[in-house]
Amino acid sequence: MKKNLGNTPVLAPLPVLIVATYDEQGMPNAMNVAWGGQYGYHHVALNLSLNHKTTENLKHTKAFTLSIATVDTLVVSDYFGLVSGRKENKIEKAGVHVTRSEFVDAPVIDEYPLTLECKVIEMQEALGEMHVVGEVVNMQADESILDEQGKVDLGKLRSISYDSASHSYRVLGDIVGKAFKDGNKLL
């Protein structure tokens, strides 16, 4: 028997995304974003509160990097969501290292093994938030997370997702089926 639980949706997985930007003085900042994901084959989308420093930075630079949080970066990734970049230098406090992207005006946080370098192609205010669409102009991946064909292996990446029901992080894991293949059994 099913129960009605109200209007709070539980959708999973929600990737834990780290958005890195520069401010007007060229100071790097990072933010943990739970409300975002892939928006098409070459695009990502983020939903940010209007009062975030990251939102202000995006309006200025029109560029960002998007790193995928992993089991190994869980502590620093969670920290990036606890403190405002307006109150402290999160990059310095976290002890991470940044390199300027070759492709967009945004920092790459070296400790993350997978980073998408994005230019903003749309910013739209709605419902008190900023909806941001970014075009991925480059993806860089550490060789340690690549398979034999040179493609990203999510099993090696060990990315984490946000569980909004229990306010916890979960690791993505095993392959349980083949997309665009297993359903053929019903054709």
N, C-alpha and C. Protein backbone atom coordinates (compact mmCIF):
# COMPACT_ATOMS: atom_id res chain seq x y z
N MET A 1 0.83 -1.17 0.00
CA MET A 1 0.00 0.00 0.00
C MET A 1 0.89 1.25 0.00
N LYS A 2 0.54 2.23 -0.81
CA LYS A 2 1.31 3.47 -0.89
C LYS A 2 0.73 4.52 0.05
N LYS A 3 1.62 5.43 0.54
CA LYS A 3 1.21 6.51 1.44
C LYS A 3 1.49 7.84 0.77
N ASN A 4 0.64 8.82 0.97
CA ASN A 4 0.88 10.18 0.50
C ASN A 4 1.82 10.87 1.47
N LEU A 5 2.90 11.48 0.94
CA LEU A 5 3.92 12.09 1.79
C LEU A 5 4.06 13.60 1.59
N GLY A 6 3.19 14.22 0.84
CA GLY A 6 3.27 15.66 0.68
C GLY A 6 3.97 16.07 -0.59
N ASN A 7 4.41 17.34 -0.64
CA ASN A 7 4.92 17.89 -1.89
C ASN A 7 6.44 18.00 -1.97
N THR A 8 7.19 17.37 -1.08
CA THR A 8 8.64 17.41 -1.15
C THR A 8 9.14 16.23 -1.97
N PRO A 9 9.65 16.49 -3.17
CA PRO A 9 10.08 15.39 -4.02
C PRO A 9 11.39 14.76 -3.57
N VAL A 10 11.52 13.50 -3.82
CA VAL A 10 12.79 12.79 -3.62
C VAL A 10 13.17 12.24 -4.99
N LEU A 11 14.16 12.86 -5.60
CA LEU A 11 14.68 12.40 -6.88
C LEU A 11 16.14 12.04 -6.68
N ALA A 12 16.55 10.93 -7.19
CA ALA A 12 17.92 10.51 -7.00
C ALA A 12 18.44 9.89 -8.28
N PRO A 13 19.70 9.95 -8.54
CA PRO A 13 20.69 10.63 -7.71
C PRO A 13 20.78 12.12 -8.05
N LEU A 14 21.14 12.91 -7.06
CA LEU A 14 21.44 14.32 -7.25
C LEU A 14 22.96 14.45 -7.17
N PRO A 15 23.64 14.74 -8.27
CA PRO A 15 25.09 14.81 -8.20
C PRO A 15 25.54 15.94 -7.28
N VAL A 16 26.63 15.72 -6.59
CA VAL A 16 27.24 16.76 -5.77
C VAL A 16 28.23 17.47 -6.67
N LEU A 17 27.88 18.70 -7.02
CA LEU A 17 28.65 19.49 -7.98
C LEU A 17 29.36 20.63 -7.29
N ILE A 18 30.61 20.85 -7.63
CA ILE A 18 31.37 21.95 -7.07
C ILE A 18 31.58 22.97 -8.18
N VAL A 19 30.97 24.14 -8.00
CA VAL A 19 31.07 25.22 -8.98
C VAL A 19 32.18 26.16 -8.52
N ALA A 20 33.16 26.39 -9.39
CA ALA A 20 34.26 27.29 -9.07
C ALA A 20 34.23 28.48 -10.02
N THR A 21 34.39 29.68 -9.44
CA THR A 21 34.34 30.92 -10.20
C THR A 21 35.40 31.87 -9.67
N TYR A 22 35.65 32.93 -10.44
CA TYR A 22 36.47 34.04 -9.97
C TYR A 22 35.55 35.22 -9.69
N ASP A 23 35.92 36.03 -8.69
CA ASP A 23 35.17 37.26 -8.47
C ASP A 23 35.81 38.40 -9.26
N GLU A 24 35.33 39.60 -9.08
CA GLU A 24 35.81 40.75 -9.85
C GLU A 24 37.28 41.06 -9.60
N GLN A 25 37.81 40.64 -8.45
CA GLN A 25 39.22 40.86 -8.13
C GLN A 25 40.09 39.66 -8.54
N GLY A 26 39.49 38.65 -9.14
CA GLY A 26 40.24 37.47 -9.56
C GLY A 26 40.47 36.45 -8.46
N MET A 27 39.72 36.58 -7.34
CA MET A 27 39.84 35.64 -6.23
C MET A 27 38.96 34.42 -6.52
N PRO A 28 39.52 33.21 -6.44
CA PRO A 28 38.73 32.01 -6.71
C PRO A 28 37.77 31.70 -5.56
N ASN A 29 36.64 31.13 -5.90
CA ASN A 29 35.63 30.72 -4.93
C ASN A 29 35.05 29.39 -5.39
N ALA A 30 34.54 28.61 -4.44
CA ALA A 30 33.90 27.34 -4.77
C ALA A 30 32.63 27.18 -3.96
N MET A 31 31.66 26.50 -4.55
CA MET A 31 30.36 26.30 -3.92
C MET A 31 29.86 24.89 -4.23
N ASN A 32 29.28 24.25 -3.24
CA ASN A 32 28.63 22.95 -3.40
C ASN A 32 27.21 23.19 -3.88
N VAL A 33 26.85 22.62 -5.02
CA VAL A 33 25.52 22.81 -5.60
C VAL A 33 24.85 21.45 -5.74
N ALA A 34 23.70 21.30 -5.08
CA ALA A 34 22.95 20.04 -5.20
C ALA A 34 21.94 20.10 -6.33
N TRP A 35 21.51 21.31 -6.71
CA TRP A 35 20.44 21.43 -7.69
C TRP A 35 21.04 21.73 -9.05
N GLY A 36 21.55 20.71 -9.69
CA GLY A 36 22.12 20.89 -11.01
C GLY A 36 22.38 19.54 -11.67
N GLY A 37 22.73 19.62 -12.95
CA GLY A 37 23.03 18.39 -13.65
C GLY A 37 23.19 18.62 -15.14
N GLN A 38 23.26 17.54 -15.87
CA GLN A 38 23.40 17.62 -17.31
C GLN A 38 22.09 18.09 -17.91
N TYR A 39 22.19 18.99 -18.91
CA TYR A 39 21.02 19.64 -19.48
C TYR A 39 20.86 19.31 -20.96
N GLY A 40 21.76 18.59 -21.48
CA GLY A 40 21.79 18.20 -22.88
C GLY A 40 23.16 17.56 -23.10
N TYR A 41 23.45 17.24 -24.34
CA TYR A 41 24.72 16.54 -24.58
C TYR A 41 25.94 17.40 -24.27
N HIS A 42 25.87 18.71 -24.53
CA HIS A 42 27.00 19.61 -24.31
C HIS A 42 26.70 20.70 -23.29
N HIS A 43 25.64 20.53 -22.49
CA HIS A 43 25.22 21.59 -21.59
C HIS A 43 24.94 21.05 -20.19
N VAL A 44 25.12 21.95 -19.21
CA VAL A 44 24.77 21.67 -17.82
C VAL A 44 23.86 22.79 -17.34
N ALA A 45 23.09 22.52 -16.30
CA ALA A 45 22.21 23.53 -15.72
C ALA A 45 22.39 23.54 -14.21
N LEU A 46 22.31 24.74 -13.64
CA LEU A 46 22.42 24.94 -12.20
C LEU A 46 21.26 25.81 -11.74
N ASN A 47 20.77 25.57 -10.56
CA ASN A 47 19.80 26.46 -9.93
C ASN A 47 20.42 26.97 -8.64
N LEU A 48 20.65 28.29 -8.60
CA LEU A 48 21.35 28.91 -7.49
C LEU A 48 20.49 29.99 -6.85
N SER A 49 20.65 30.16 -5.57
CA SER A 49 19.99 31.26 -4.88
C SER A 49 20.59 32.57 -5.38
N LEU A 50 19.79 33.60 -5.45
CA LEU A 50 20.25 34.90 -5.95
C LEU A 50 21.29 35.54 -5.04
N ASN A 51 21.31 35.18 -3.76
CA ASN A 51 22.21 35.85 -2.83
C ASN A 51 23.59 35.20 -2.70
N HIS A 52 23.88 34.17 -3.46
CA HIS A 52 25.20 33.52 -3.38
C HIS A 52 26.28 34.35 -4.06
N LYS A 53 27.46 34.31 -3.49
CA LYS A 53 28.62 34.95 -4.12
C LYS A 53 28.87 34.34 -5.50
N THR A 54 28.67 33.05 -5.62
CA THR A 54 28.85 32.37 -6.90
C THR A 54 27.93 32.95 -7.97
N THR A 55 26.69 33.24 -7.61
CA THR A 55 25.75 33.83 -8.57
C THR A 55 26.26 35.18 -9.03
N GLU A 56 26.74 35.98 -8.10
CA GLU A 56 27.33 37.29 -8.44
C GLU A 56 28.54 37.12 -9.36
N ASN A 57 29.40 36.16 -9.03
CA ASN A 57 30.59 35.91 -9.84
C ASN A 57 30.22 35.49 -11.26
N LEU A 58 29.19 34.65 -11.39
CA LEU A 58 28.76 34.19 -12.72
C LEU A 58 28.26 35.35 -13.57
N LYS A 59 27.58 36.29 -12.95
CA LYS A 59 27.12 37.47 -13.69
C LYS A 59 28.30 38.27 -14.23
N HIS A 60 29.39 38.28 -13.47
CA HIS A 60 30.57 39.05 -13.85
C HIS A 60 31.42 38.34 -14.91
N THR A 61 31.75 37.06 -14.69
CA THR A 61 32.71 36.37 -15.57
C THR A 61 32.06 35.59 -16.70
N LYS A 62 30.79 35.19 -16.52
CA LYS A 62 30.09 34.36 -17.51
C LYS A 62 30.81 33.04 -17.77
N ALA A 63 31.46 32.53 -16.72
CA ALA A 63 32.21 31.28 -16.86
C ALA A 63 32.31 30.58 -15.50
N PHE A 64 32.46 29.25 -15.53
CA PHE A 64 32.64 28.48 -14.30
C PHE A 64 33.22 27.12 -14.65
N THR A 65 33.76 26.47 -13.63
CA THR A 65 34.11 25.06 -13.77
C THR A 65 33.17 24.29 -12.86
N LEU A 66 32.93 23.06 -13.25
CA LEU A 66 32.02 22.20 -12.52
C LEU A 66 32.75 20.89 -12.26
N SER A 67 33.09 20.66 -10.99
CA SER A 67 33.78 19.43 -10.62
C SER A 67 32.79 18.48 -9.98
N ILE A 68 33.04 17.21 -10.16
CA ILE A 68 32.19 16.17 -9.61
C ILE A 68 32.79 15.70 -8.29
N ALA A 69 32.04 15.85 -7.20
CA ALA A 69 32.54 15.43 -5.90
C ALA A 69 32.65 13.91 -5.84
N THR A 70 33.64 13.45 -5.12
CA THR A 70 33.93 12.03 -5.01
C THR A 70 34.04 11.62 -3.54
N VAL A 71 34.15 10.33 -3.31
CA VAL A 71 34.37 9.84 -1.95
C VAL A 71 35.63 10.49 -1.37
N ASP A 72 36.68 10.59 -2.17
CA ASP A 72 37.94 11.17 -1.69
C ASP A 72 37.87 12.67 -1.42
N THR A 73 36.92 13.37 -2.06
CA THR A 73 36.80 14.83 -1.86
C THR A 73 35.57 15.18 -1.05
N LEU A 74 34.95 14.21 -0.39
CA LEU A 74 33.70 14.43 0.33
C LEU A 74 33.80 15.53 1.37
N VAL A 75 34.82 15.52 2.22
CA VAL A 75 34.92 16.49 3.31
C VAL A 75 35.04 17.91 2.77
N VAL A 76 35.95 18.11 1.83
CA VAL A 76 36.13 19.46 1.27
C VAL A 76 34.90 19.88 0.48
N SER A 77 34.25 18.94 -0.19
CA SER A 77 33.05 19.25 -0.97
C SER A 77 31.92 19.69 -0.04
N ASP A 78 31.74 19.00 1.08
CA ASP A 78 30.71 19.38 2.02
C ASP A 78 31.04 20.76 2.61
N TYR A 79 32.29 21.00 2.93
CA TYR A 79 32.71 22.31 3.45
C TYR A 79 32.33 23.44 2.49
N PHE A 80 32.52 23.22 1.20
CA PHE A 80 32.21 24.26 0.22
C PHE A 80 30.73 24.65 0.25
N GLY A 81 29.88 23.81 0.84
CA GLY A 81 28.47 24.13 0.96
C GLY A 81 28.06 24.67 2.31
N LEU A 82 29.00 24.72 3.26
CA LEU A 82 28.67 25.16 4.61
C LEU A 82 28.91 26.64 4.87
N VAL A 83 29.85 27.23 4.15
CA VAL A 83 30.31 28.59 4.44
C VAL A 83 30.15 29.47 3.20
N SER A 84 29.79 30.71 3.42
CA SER A 84 29.66 31.65 2.31
C SER A 84 31.03 32.18 1.89
N GLY A 85 31.22 32.29 0.60
CA GLY A 85 32.43 32.90 0.07
C GLY A 85 32.51 34.38 0.39
N ARG A 86 31.43 34.96 0.83
CA ARG A 86 31.43 36.37 1.26
C ARG A 86 32.09 36.51 2.63
N LYS A 87 32.12 35.41 3.41
CA LYS A 87 32.62 35.48 4.78
C LYS A 87 34.05 35.00 4.93
N GLU A 88 34.49 34.11 4.07
CA GLU A 88 35.88 33.66 4.16
C GLU A 88 36.36 33.13 2.82
N ASN A 89 37.67 33.05 2.68
CA ASN A 89 38.30 32.51 1.48
C ASN A 89 38.27 30.99 1.60
N LYS A 90 37.26 30.38 0.99
CA LYS A 90 37.07 28.93 1.13
C LYS A 90 38.19 28.13 0.49
N ILE A 91 38.73 28.62 -0.61
CA ILE A 91 39.81 27.91 -1.28
C ILE A 91 41.02 27.79 -0.36
N GLU A 92 41.39 28.93 0.24
CA GLU A 92 42.53 28.95 1.15
C GLU A 92 42.28 28.09 2.38
N LYS A 93 41.12 28.26 2.99
CA LYS A 93 40.77 27.51 4.20
C LYS A 93 40.74 26.00 3.94
N ALA A 94 40.24 25.60 2.77
CA ALA A 94 40.16 24.17 2.44
C ALA A 94 41.52 23.58 2.09
N GLY A 95 42.48 24.44 1.77
CA GLY A 95 43.82 23.96 1.43
C GLY A 95 43.92 23.32 0.06
N VAL A 96 42.97 23.65 -0.83
CA VAL A 96 43.03 23.09 -2.18
C VAL A 96 43.84 24.01 -3.09
N HIS A 97 44.19 23.50 -4.24
CA HIS A 97 45.00 24.24 -5.20
C HIS A 97 44.18 24.49 -6.46
N VAL A 98 44.37 25.67 -7.05
CA VAL A 98 43.64 25.99 -8.27
C VAL A 98 44.60 26.34 -9.39
N THR A 99 44.16 26.03 -10.59
CA THR A 99 44.86 26.37 -11.82
C THR A 99 43.84 27.10 -12.70
N ARG A 100 44.28 28.14 -13.36
CA ARG A 100 43.37 28.88 -14.25
C ARG A 100 43.05 27.99 -15.46
N SER A 101 41.78 27.90 -15.78
CA SER A 101 41.35 27.13 -16.95
C SER A 101 41.96 27.73 -18.21
N GLU A 102 42.33 26.86 -19.13
CA GLU A 102 42.84 27.30 -20.44
C GLU A 102 41.69 27.73 -21.36
N PHE A 103 40.46 27.37 -21.00
CA PHE A 103 39.34 27.52 -21.93
C PHE A 103 38.31 28.57 -21.52
N VAL A 104 38.16 28.81 -20.20
CA VAL A 104 37.19 29.78 -19.70
C VAL A 104 37.81 30.56 -18.54
N ASP A 105 37.19 31.67 -18.19
CA ASP A 105 37.69 32.52 -17.11
C ASP A 105 37.20 32.00 -15.77
N ALA A 106 37.76 30.85 -15.37
CA ALA A 106 37.34 30.20 -14.12
C ALA A 106 38.48 29.31 -13.61
N PRO A 107 38.49 29.07 -12.29
CA PRO A 107 39.52 28.21 -11.71
C PRO A 107 39.18 26.73 -11.81
N VAL A 108 40.20 25.92 -11.98
CA VAL A 108 40.07 24.46 -11.91
C VAL A 108 40.66 24.06 -10.56
N ILE A 109 39.88 23.36 -9.75
CA ILE A 109 40.38 22.88 -8.46
C ILE A 109 41.10 21.57 -8.72
N ASP A 110 42.40 21.57 -8.49
CA ASP A 110 43.26 20.46 -8.88
C ASP A 110 42.92 19.14 -8.18
N GLU A 111 42.36 19.19 -7.00
CA GLU A 111 42.09 17.97 -6.23
C GLU A 111 40.94 17.14 -6.79
N TYR A 112 40.12 17.72 -7.66
CA TYR A 112 39.00 16.96 -8.24
C TYR A 112 39.45 16.28 -9.52
N PRO A 113 39.20 14.97 -9.65
CA PRO A 113 39.68 14.24 -10.82
C PRO A 113 38.88 14.47 -12.11
N LEU A 114 37.70 15.07 -12.00
CA LEU A 114 36.88 15.32 -13.19
C LEU A 114 36.29 16.72 -13.11
N THR A 115 36.59 17.53 -14.12
CA THR A 115 36.12 18.91 -14.14
C THR A 115 35.63 19.29 -15.53
N LEU A 116 34.46 19.92 -15.57
CA LEU A 116 33.90 20.45 -16.80
C LEU A 116 34.17 21.96 -16.81
N GLU A 117 34.69 22.47 -17.92
CA GLU A 117 34.96 23.90 -18.05
C GLU A 117 33.85 24.48 -18.92
N CYS A 118 33.13 25.47 -18.37
CA CYS A 118 31.88 25.92 -18.97
C CYS A 118 31.81 27.43 -19.17
N LYS A 119 31.16 27.82 -20.25
CA LYS A 119 30.83 29.24 -20.44
C LYS A 119 29.32 29.37 -20.28
N VAL A 120 28.91 30.45 -19.63
CA VAL A 120 27.49 30.70 -19.41
C VAL A 120 26.85 31.10 -20.73
N ILE A 121 25.77 30.41 -21.09
CA ILE A 121 25.04 30.80 -22.30
C ILE A 121 23.65 31.33 -21.98
N GLU A 122 23.21 31.12 -20.73
CA GLU A 122 21.90 31.66 -20.33
C GLU A 122 21.86 31.79 -18.82
N MET A 123 21.33 32.93 -18.37
CA MET A 123 21.04 33.14 -16.95
C MET A 123 19.64 33.74 -16.87
N GLN A 124 18.79 33.11 -16.07
CA GLN A 124 17.41 33.56 -16.01
C GLN A 124 16.89 33.47 -14.58
N GLU A 125 16.39 34.59 -14.09
CA GLU A 125 15.80 34.61 -12.75
C GLU A 125 14.39 34.05 -12.79
N ALA A 126 14.10 33.16 -11.86
CA ALA A 126 12.76 32.59 -11.74
C ALA A 126 12.57 32.05 -10.33
N LEU A 127 11.45 32.36 -9.75
CA LEU A 127 11.08 31.84 -8.43
C LEU A 127 12.14 32.13 -7.36
N GLY A 128 12.77 33.29 -7.45
CA GLY A 128 13.77 33.68 -6.46
C GLY A 128 15.12 33.01 -6.61
N GLU A 129 15.33 32.35 -7.74
CA GLU A 129 16.59 31.67 -8.00
C GLU A 129 17.13 32.10 -9.35
N MET A 130 18.38 31.76 -9.58
CA MET A 130 19.01 32.00 -10.87
C MET A 130 19.21 30.64 -11.55
N HIS A 131 18.59 30.50 -12.69
CA HIS A 131 18.77 29.30 -13.50
C HIS A 131 19.91 29.60 -14.48
N VAL A 132 20.95 28.81 -14.42
CA VAL A 132 22.15 29.02 -15.24
C VAL A 132 22.34 27.83 -16.16
N VAL A 133 22.52 28.10 -17.44
CA VAL A 133 22.86 27.06 -18.39
C VAL A 133 24.27 27.34 -18.88
N GLY A 134 25.11 26.32 -18.80
CA GLY A 134 26.48 26.45 -19.25
C GLY A 134 26.78 25.48 -20.37
N GLU A 135 27.56 25.95 -21.33
CA GLU A 135 28.03 25.09 -22.40
C GLU A 135 29.39 24.54 -22.01
N VAL A 136 29.53 23.23 -22.06
CA VAL A 136 30.81 22.60 -21.73
C VAL A 136 31.74 22.78 -22.91
N VAL A 137 32.84 23.50 -22.69
CA VAL A 137 33.80 23.72 -23.77
C VAL A 137 35.00 22.78 -23.65
N ASN A 138 35.19 22.20 -22.47
CA ASN A 138 36.25 21.22 -22.27
C ASN A 138 35.94 20.40 -21.02
N MET A 139 36.33 19.15 -21.05
CA MET A 139 36.27 18.29 -19.88
C MET A 139 37.66 17.76 -19.64
N GLN A 140 38.16 17.93 -18.43
CA GLN A 140 39.46 17.34 -18.12
C GLN A 140 39.31 16.29 -17.04
N ALA A 141 40.02 15.19 -17.24
CA ALA A 141 39.92 14.06 -16.32
C ALA A 141 41.31 13.53 -16.00
N ASP A 142 41.50 13.20 -14.74
CA ASP A 142 42.74 12.57 -14.32
C ASP A 142 42.82 11.17 -14.94
N GLU A 143 43.99 10.79 -15.37
CA GLU A 143 44.16 9.48 -16.02
C GLU A 143 43.72 8.32 -15.13
N SER A 144 43.75 8.53 -13.81
CA SER A 144 43.39 7.46 -12.87
C SER A 144 41.93 7.05 -12.96
N ILE A 145 41.08 7.89 -13.57
CA ILE A 145 39.65 7.55 -13.65
C ILE A 145 39.22 7.17 -15.07
N LEU A 146 40.19 6.96 -15.95
CA LEU A 146 39.87 6.59 -17.33
C LEU A 146 39.95 5.09 -17.52
N ASP A 147 39.12 4.57 -18.44
CA ASP A 147 39.18 3.15 -18.78
C ASP A 147 40.21 2.92 -19.89
N GLU A 148 40.26 1.72 -20.40
CA GLU A 148 41.25 1.36 -21.43
C GLU A 148 41.03 2.12 -22.73
N GLN A 149 39.81 2.58 -22.99
CA GLN A 149 39.51 3.34 -24.21
C GLN A 149 39.69 4.85 -24.01
N GLY A 150 40.11 5.27 -22.81
CA GLY A 150 40.31 6.68 -22.54
C GLY A 150 39.04 7.43 -22.16
N LYS A 151 37.99 6.70 -21.79
CA LYS A 151 36.73 7.32 -21.38
C LYS A 151 36.62 7.29 -19.86
N VAL A 152 35.84 8.24 -19.31
CA VAL A 152 35.64 8.31 -17.87
C VAL A 152 34.94 7.03 -17.39
N ASP A 153 35.49 6.42 -16.37
CA ASP A 153 34.93 5.23 -15.73
C ASP A 153 34.35 5.68 -14.39
N LEU A 154 33.02 5.77 -14.29
CA LEU A 154 32.38 6.25 -13.07
C LEU A 154 32.68 5.36 -11.87
N GLY A 155 32.97 4.09 -12.12
CA GLY A 155 33.35 3.19 -11.03
C GLY A 155 34.68 3.61 -10.41
N LYS A 156 35.61 4.04 -11.26
CA LYS A 156 36.90 4.53 -10.76
C LYS A 156 36.77 5.91 -10.13
N LEU A 157 35.86 6.74 -10.66
CA LEU A 157 35.67 8.09 -10.14
C LEU A 157 35.12 8.06 -8.71
N ARG A 158 34.17 7.16 -8.45
CA ARG A 158 33.52 7.03 -7.16
C ARG A 158 32.83 8.34 -6.75
N SER A 159 32.02 8.84 -7.69
CA SER A 159 31.30 10.09 -7.43
C SER A 159 30.23 9.88 -6.37
N ILE A 160 29.91 10.98 -5.69
CA ILE A 160 28.90 10.91 -4.65
C ILE A 160 27.66 11.68 -5.11
N SER A 161 26.52 11.30 -4.54
CA SER A 161 25.28 12.00 -4.81
C SER A 161 24.67 12.40 -3.47
N TYR A 162 23.85 13.44 -3.55
CA TYR A 162 23.17 13.95 -2.36
C TYR A 162 21.83 13.24 -2.21
N ASP A 163 21.57 12.71 -1.04
CA ASP A 163 20.30 12.06 -0.72
C ASP A 163 19.47 13.06 0.07
N SER A 164 18.51 13.71 -0.60
CA SER A 164 17.73 14.76 0.04
C SER A 164 16.77 14.22 1.11
N ALA A 165 16.45 12.95 1.06
CA ALA A 165 15.54 12.37 2.05
C ALA A 165 16.24 12.20 3.40
N SER A 166 17.50 11.77 3.40
CA SER A 166 18.22 11.53 4.66
C SER A 166 19.33 12.56 4.92
N HIS A 167 19.46 13.55 4.04
CA HIS A 167 20.53 14.56 4.15
C HIS A 167 21.89 13.90 4.33
N SER A 168 22.19 13.02 3.39
CA SER A 168 23.46 12.30 3.43
C SER A 168 24.02 12.20 2.02
N TYR A 169 25.23 11.70 1.93
CA TYR A 169 25.87 11.46 0.64
C TYR A 169 25.92 9.96 0.40
N ARG A 170 25.71 9.58 -0.85
CA ARG A 170 25.80 8.17 -1.24
C ARG A 170 26.77 8.06 -2.40
N VAL A 171 27.46 6.95 -2.46
CA VAL A 171 28.39 6.74 -3.56
C VAL A 171 27.67 6.01 -4.69
N LEU A 172 27.96 6.41 -5.91
CA LEU A 172 27.40 5.69 -7.06
C LEU A 172 28.24 4.44 -7.27
N GLY A 173 27.61 3.40 -7.71
CA GLY A 173 28.35 2.15 -7.72
C GLY A 173 28.23 1.30 -8.95
N ASP A 174 27.83 0.08 -8.73
CA ASP A 174 27.88 -0.98 -9.72
C ASP A 174 27.00 -0.72 -10.95
N ILE A 175 27.43 -1.25 -12.06
CA ILE A 175 26.61 -1.27 -13.26
C ILE A 175 25.60 -2.41 -13.09
N VAL A 176 24.32 -2.10 -13.28
CA VAL A 176 23.29 -3.11 -13.10
C VAL A 176 22.53 -3.43 -14.38
N GLY A 177 22.86 -2.72 -15.45
CA GLY A 177 22.19 -2.97 -16.72
C GLY A 177 22.83 -2.16 -17.82
N LYS A 178 22.41 -2.41 -19.05
CA LYS A 178 22.92 -1.71 -20.23
C LYS A 178 21.82 -0.84 -20.82
N ALA A 179 22.10 0.47 -20.88
CA ALA A 179 21.14 1.43 -21.42
C ALA A 179 20.93 1.18 -22.91
N PHE A 180 19.70 1.39 -23.35
CA PHE A 180 19.32 1.23 -24.76
C PHE A 180 19.54 -0.18 -25.27
N LYS A 181 19.56 -1.15 -24.35
CA LYS A 181 19.76 -2.55 -24.74
C LYS A 181 18.83 -3.48 -23.96
N ASP A 182 18.85 -3.38 -22.64
CA ASP A 182 18.11 -4.32 -21.80
C ASP A 182 16.61 -4.28 -22.07
N GLY A 183 16.07 -3.13 -22.41
CA GLY A 183 14.63 -3.01 -22.69
C GLY A 183 14.21 -3.74 -23.95
N ASN A 184 15.18 -4.08 -24.79
CA ASN A 184 14.87 -4.81 -26.03
C ASN A 184 14.21 -6.15 -25.74
N LYS A 185 14.37 -6.66 -24.54
CA LYS A 185 13.75 -7.93 -24.16
C LYS A 185 12.22 -7.87 -24.26
N LEU A 186 11.68 -6.65 -24.18
CA LEU A 186 10.22 -6.48 -24.24
C LEU A 186 9.72 -6.13 -25.63
N LEU A 187 10.62 -5.96 -26.59
CA LEU A 187 10.20 -5.61 -27.95
C LEU A 187 9.69 -6.82 -28.70
